[in-house]
Amino acid sequence: MAQDRIQMPSGMGGLVRYFDEYKSKIEFKPGHIIILCIAVVIIMIVLYTLGGTLLGIA
């Protein structure tokens, strides 16, 4: 019964590589992502501290 099993080659056991087929038109450098995250954090801090007075809510 143990000999009835189907053996697949270890390199291609149903794995498909999709990254070779599609190349995105939009690419970001890692430095740009870090700068964007820092800018979002600064905007959030400013909005939490001054947002109420700037928008006339508080």
PDB file of N, CA and C in Angstrom:
ATOM      1  N   MET A   1       0.815  -1.187   0.000  1.00  0.00           N
ATOM      2  CA  MET A   1       0.000   0.000   0.000  1.00  0.00           C
ATOM      3  C   MET A   1       0.863   1.257   0.000  1.00  0.00           C
ATOM      4  N   ALA A   2       2.025   1.187   0.609  1.00  0.00           N
ATOM      5  CA  ALA A   2       2.903   2.348   0.633  1.00  0.00           C
ATOM      6  C   ALA A   2       3.505   2.612  -0.737  1.00  0.00           C
ATOM      7  N   GLN A   3       3.527   1.608  -1.612  1.00  0.00           N
ATOM      8  CA  GLN A   3       4.112   1.789  -2.933  1.00  0.00           C
ATOM      9  C   GLN A   3       3.118   2.384  -3.932  1.00  0.00           C
ATOM     10  N   ASP A   4       1.847   2.557  -3.573  1.00  0.00           N
ATOM     11  CA  ASP A   4       0.846   3.120  -4.467  1.00  0.00           C
ATOM     12  C   ASP A   4       0.890   4.650  -4.517  1.00  0.00           C
ATOM     13  N   ARG A   5       1.698   5.265  -3.707  1.00  0.00           N
ATOM     14  CA  ARG A   5       1.748   6.731  -3.671  1.00  0.00           C
ATOM     15  C   ARG A   5       2.451   7.270  -4.904  1.00  0.00           C
ATOM     16  N   ILE A   6       1.994   8.428  -5.366  1.00  0.00           N
ATOM     17  CA  ILE A   6       2.621   9.104  -6.502  1.00  0.00           C
ATOM     18  C   ILE A   6       3.727  10.002  -5.963  1.00  0.00           C
ATOM     19  N   GLN A   7       4.902   9.900  -6.535  1.00  0.00           N
ATOM     20  CA  GLN A   7       6.026  10.718  -6.083  1.00  0.00           C
ATOM     21  C   GLN A   7       6.292  11.809  -7.115  1.00  0.00           C
ATOM     22  N   MET A   8       6.339  13.031  -6.622  1.00  0.00           N
ATOM     23  CA  MET A   8       6.617  14.182  -7.476  1.00  0.00           C
ATOM     24  C   MET A   8       8.080  14.575  -7.306  1.00  0.00           C
ATOM     25  N   PRO A   9       8.672  15.169  -8.330  1.00  0.00           N
ATOM     26  CA  PRO A   9      10.018  15.712  -8.135  1.00  0.00           C
ATOM     27  C   PRO A   9       9.980  16.822  -7.081  1.00  0.00           C
ATOM     28  N   SER A  10      10.988  16.895  -6.266  1.00  0.00           N
ATOM     29  CA  SER A  10      10.959  17.838  -5.146  1.00  0.00           C
ATOM     30  C   SER A  10      10.998  19.294  -5.604  1.00  0.00           C
ATOM     31  N   GLY A  11      11.459  19.564  -6.781  1.00  0.00           N
ATOM     32  CA  GLY A  11      11.566  20.948  -7.232  1.00  0.00           C
ATOM     33  C   GLY A  11      10.292  21.537  -7.807  1.00  0.00           C
ATOM     34  N   MET A  12       9.372  20.737  -8.301  1.00  0.00           N
ATOM     35  CA  MET A  12       8.190  21.263  -8.983  1.00  0.00           C
ATOM     36  C   MET A  12       6.913  20.636  -8.440  1.00  0.00           C
ATOM     37  N   GLY A  13       6.775  20.469  -7.180  1.00  0.00           N
ATOM     38  CA  GLY A  13       5.603  19.838  -6.581  1.00  0.00           C
ATOM     39  C   GLY A  13       4.387  20.742  -6.589  1.00  0.00           C
ATOM     40  N   GLY A  14       3.977  21.266  -7.725  1.00  0.00           N
ATOM     41  CA  GLY A  14       2.794  22.108  -7.820  1.00  0.00           C
ATOM     42  C   GLY A  14       3.064  23.583  -7.581  1.00  0.00           C
ATOM     43  N   LEU A  15       4.294  23.972  -7.480  1.00  0.00           N
ATOM     44  CA  LEU A  15       4.629  25.374  -7.228  1.00  0.00           C
ATOM     45  C   LEU A  15       4.722  26.137  -8.544  1.00  0.00           C
ATOM     46  N   VAL A  16       4.133  27.332  -8.562  1.00  0.00           N
ATOM     47  CA  VAL A  16       4.150  28.169  -9.757  1.00  0.00           C
ATOM     48  C   VAL A  16       4.766  29.512  -9.386  1.00  0.00           C
ATOM     49  N   ARG A  17       5.639  30.008 -10.226  1.00  0.00           N
ATOM     50  CA  ARG A  17       6.264  31.305  -9.974  1.00  0.00           C
ATOM     51  C   ARG A  17       5.561  32.350 -10.819  1.00  0.00           C
ATOM     52  N   TYR A  18       4.834  33.258 -10.158  1.00  0.00           N
ATOM     53  CA  TYR A  18       4.085  34.279 -10.871  1.00  0.00           C
ATOM     54  C   TYR A  18       4.878  35.563 -11.082  1.00  0.00           C
ATOM     55  N   PHE A  19       5.933  35.784 -10.324  1.00  0.00           N
ATOM     56  CA  PHE A  19       6.628  37.060 -10.408  1.00  0.00           C
ATOM     57  C   PHE A  19       7.376  37.223 -11.732  1.00  0.00           C
ATOM     58  N   ASP A  20       7.631  36.155 -12.447  1.00  0.00           N
ATOM     59  CA  ASP A  20       8.287  36.277 -13.745  1.00  0.00           C
ATOM     60  C   ASP A  20       7.315  36.711 -14.837  1.00  0.00           C
ATOM     61  N   GLU A  21       6.019  36.484 -14.627  1.00  0.00           N
ATOM     62  CA  GLU A  21       5.042  36.739 -15.667  1.00  0.00           C
ATOM     63  C   GLU A  21       4.544  38.180 -15.687  1.00  0.00           C
ATOM     64  N   TYR A  22       4.570  38.872 -14.561  1.00  0.00           N
ATOM     65  CA  TYR A  22       3.974  40.208 -14.490  1.00  0.00           C
ATOM     66  C   TYR A  22       4.963  41.184 -13.886  1.00  0.00           C
ATOM     67  N   LYS A  23       5.141  42.297 -14.557  1.00  0.00           N
ATOM     68  CA  LYS A  23       6.015  43.357 -14.040  1.00  0.00           C
ATOM     69  C   LYS A  23       5.165  44.611 -13.874  1.00  0.00           C
ATOM     70  N   SER A  24       5.117  45.142 -12.670  1.00  0.00           N
ATOM     71  CA  SER A  24       4.294  46.312 -12.382  1.00  0.00           C
ATOM     72  C   SER A  24       4.899  47.560 -13.019  1.00  0.00           C
ATOM     73  N   LYS A  25       4.028  48.472 -13.428  1.00  0.00           N
ATOM     74  CA  LYS A  25       4.490  49.728 -14.007  1.00  0.00           C
ATOM     75  C   LYS A  25       4.839  50.742 -12.932  1.00  0.00           C
ATOM     76  N   ILE A  26       4.352  50.529 -11.717  1.00  0.00           N
ATOM     77  CA  ILE A  26       4.622  51.435 -10.600  1.00  0.00           C
ATOM     78  C   ILE A  26       5.631  50.759  -9.684  1.00  0.00           C
ATOM     79  N   GLU A  27       6.776  51.368  -9.521  1.00  0.00           N
ATOM     80  CA  GLU A  27       7.800  50.822  -8.637  1.00  0.00           C
ATOM     81  C   GLU A  27       8.277  51.921  -7.698  1.00  0.00           C
ATOM     82  N   PHE A  28       8.433  51.571  -6.430  1.00  0.00           N
ATOM     83  CA  PHE A  28       8.911  52.497  -5.414  1.00  0.00           C
ATOM     84  C   PHE A  28      10.227  51.986  -4.859  1.00  0.00           C
ATOM     85  N   LYS A  29      11.125  52.907  -4.598  1.00  0.00           N
ATOM     86  CA  LYS A  29      12.360  52.547  -3.915  1.00  0.00           C
ATOM     87  C   LYS A  29      12.065  52.433  -2.421  1.00  0.00           C
ATOM     88  N   PRO A  30      12.830  51.634  -1.689  1.00  0.00           N
ATOM     89  CA  PRO A  30      12.587  51.500  -0.248  1.00  0.00           C
ATOM     90  C   PRO A  30      12.709  52.820   0.505  1.00  0.00           C
ATOM     91  N   GLY A  31      13.577  53.707   0.065  1.00  0.00           N
ATOM     92  CA  GLY A  31      13.726  55.007   0.713  1.00  0.00           C
ATOM     93  C   GLY A  31      12.476  55.856   0.589  1.00  0.00           C
ATOM     94  N   HIS A  32      11.795  55.757  -0.550  1.00  0.00           N
ATOM     95  CA  HIS A  32      10.557  56.512  -0.736  1.00  0.00           C
ATOM     96  C   HIS A  32       9.467  56.020   0.206  1.00  0.00           C
ATOM     97  N   ILE A  33       9.401  54.727   0.441  1.00  0.00           N
ATOM     98  CA  ILE A  33       8.397  54.169   1.351  1.00  0.00           C
ATOM     99  C   ILE A  33       8.662  54.636   2.774  1.00  0.00           C
ATOM    100  N   ILE A  34       9.925  54.673   3.178  1.00  0.00           N
ATOM    101  CA  ILE A  34      10.269  55.136   4.527  1.00  0.00           C
ATOM    102  C   ILE A  34       9.902  56.608   4.689  1.00  0.00           C
ATOM    103  N   ILE A  35      10.206  57.426   3.690  1.00  0.00           N
ATOM    104  CA  ILE A  35       9.857  58.853   3.755  1.00  0.00           C
ATOM    105  C   ILE A  35       8.345  59.033   3.805  1.00  0.00           C
ATOM    106  N   LEU A  36       7.607  58.253   3.040  1.00  0.00           N
ATOM    107  CA  LEU A  36       6.148  58.329   3.050  1.00  0.00           C
ATOM    108  C   LEU A  36       5.584  57.952   4.418  1.00  0.00           C
ATOM    109  N   CYS A  37       6.134  56.914   5.043  1.00  0.00           N
ATOM    110  CA  CYS A  37       5.675  56.512   6.379  1.00  0.00           C
ATOM    111  C   CYS A  37       5.961  57.598   7.410  1.00  0.00           C
ATOM    112  N   ILE A  38       7.141  58.204   7.344  1.00  0.00           N
ATOM    113  CA  ILE A  38       7.483  59.276   8.281  1.00  0.00           C
ATOM    114  C   ILE A  38       6.560  60.468   8.077  1.00  0.00           C
ATOM    115  N   ALA A  39       6.249  60.798   6.820  1.00  0.00           N
ATOM    116  CA  ALA A  39       5.341  61.914   6.541  1.00  0.00           C
ATOM    117  C   ALA A  39       3.947  61.637   7.086  1.00  0.00           C
ATOM    118  N   VAL A  40       3.469  60.406   6.954  1.00  0.00           N
ATOM    119  CA  VAL A  40       2.144  60.055   7.482  1.00  0.00           C
ATOM    120  C   VAL A  40       2.129  60.153   9.000  1.00  0.00           C
ATOM    121  N   VAL A  41       3.198  59.706   9.657  1.00  0.00           N
ATOM    122  CA  VAL A  41       3.277  59.797  11.118  1.00  0.00           C
ATOM    123  C   VAL A  41       3.269  61.257  11.557  1.00  0.00           C
ATOM    124  N   ILE A  42       4.017  62.110  10.872  1.00  0.00           N
ATOM    125  CA  ILE A  42       4.055  63.534  11.232  1.00  0.00           C
ATOM    126  C   ILE A  42       2.688  64.175  11.023  1.00  0.00           C
ATOM    127  N   ILE A  43       2.022  63.853   9.923  1.00  0.00           N
ATOM    128  CA  ILE A  43       0.679  64.397   9.677  1.00  0.00           C
ATOM    129  C   ILE A  43      -0.294  63.936  10.751  1.00  0.00           C
ATOM    130  N   MET A  44      -0.211  62.673  11.152  1.00  0.00           N
ATOM    131  CA  MET A  44      -1.104  62.160  12.201  1.00  0.00           C
ATOM    132  C   MET A  44      -0.855  62.866  13.532  1.00  0.00           C
ATOM    133  N   ILE A  45       0.410  63.099  13.877  1.00  0.00           N
ATOM    134  CA  ILE A  45       0.719  63.787  15.132  1.00  0.00           C
ATOM    135  C   ILE A  45       0.187  65.214  15.100  1.00  0.00           C
ATOM    136  N   VAL A  46       0.374  65.909  13.984  1.00  0.00           N
ATOM    137  CA  VAL A  46      -0.132  67.280  13.860  1.00  0.00           C
ATOM    138  C   VAL A  46      -1.649  67.299  13.950  1.00  0.00           C
ATOM    139  N   LEU A  47      -2.321  66.360  13.307  1.00  0.00           N
ATOM    140  CA  LEU A  47      -3.779  66.336  13.355  1.00  0.00           C
ATOM    141  C   LEU A  47      -4.302  66.005  14.749  1.00  0.00           C
ATOM    142  N   TYR A  48      -3.627  65.125  15.471  1.00  0.00           N
ATOM    143  CA  TYR A  48      -4.070  64.808  16.826  1.00  0.00           C
ATOM    144  C   TYR A  48      -3.862  65.974  17.783  1.00  0.00           C
ATOM    145  N   THR A  49      -2.789  66.734  17.581  1.00  0.00           N
ATOM    146  CA  THR A  49      -2.523  67.829  18.512  1.00  0.00           C
ATOM    147  C   THR A  49      -3.228  69.121  18.119  1.00  0.00           C
ATOM    148  N   LEU A  50      -3.254  69.455  16.848  1.00  0.00           N
ATOM    149  CA  LEU A  50      -3.807  70.733  16.414  1.00  0.00           C
ATOM    150  C   LEU A  50      -5.081  70.603  15.582  1.00  0.00           C
ATOM    151  N   GLY A  51      -5.515  69.396  15.301  1.00  0.00           N
ATOM    152  CA  GLY A  51      -6.640  69.194  14.402  1.00  0.00           C
ATOM    153  C   GLY A  51      -7.938  69.790  14.891  1.00  0.00           C
ATOM    154  N   GLY A  52      -8.201  69.703  16.183  1.00  0.00           N
ATOM    155  CA  GLY A  52      -9.444  70.251  16.714  1.00  0.00           C
ATOM    156  C   GLY A  52      -9.522  71.750  16.569  1.00  0.00           C
ATOM    157  N   THR A  53      -8.430  72.426  16.836  1.00  0.00           N
ATOM    158  CA  THR A  53      -8.446  73.889  16.721  1.00  0.00           C
ATOM    159  C   THR A  53      -8.411  74.338  15.259  1.00  0.00           C
ATOM    160  N   LEU A  54      -7.710  73.586  14.419  1.00  0.00           N
ATOM    161  CA  LEU A  54      -7.652  73.958  13.005  1.00  0.00           C
ATOM    162  C   LEU A  54      -8.999  73.777  12.314  1.00  0.00           C
ATOM    163  N   LEU A  55      -9.738  72.759  12.710  1.00  0.00           N
ATOM    164  CA  LEU A  55     -11.034  72.495  12.082  1.00  0.00           C
ATOM    165  C   LEU A  55     -12.190  73.162  12.819  1.00  0.00           C
ATOM    166  N   GLY A  56     -11.920  73.789  13.951  1.00  0.00           N
ATOM    167  CA  GLY A  56     -12.953  74.476  14.712  1.00  0.00           C
ATOM    168  C   GLY A  56     -13.878  73.543  15.472  1.00  0.00           C
ATOM    169  N   ILE A  57     -13.416  72.345  15.786  1.00  0.00           N
ATOM    170  CA  ILE A  57     -14.253  71.368  16.494  1.00  0.00           C
ATOM    171  C   ILE A  57     -14.165  71.576  17.997  1.00  0.00           C
ATOM    172  N   ALA A  58     -12.965  71.752  18.515  1.00  0.00           N
ATOM    173  CA  ALA A  58     -12.802  71.851  19.969  1.00  0.00           C
ATOM    174  C   ALA A  58     -12.589  73.277  20.412  1.00  0.00           C
TER     175      ALA A  58
END
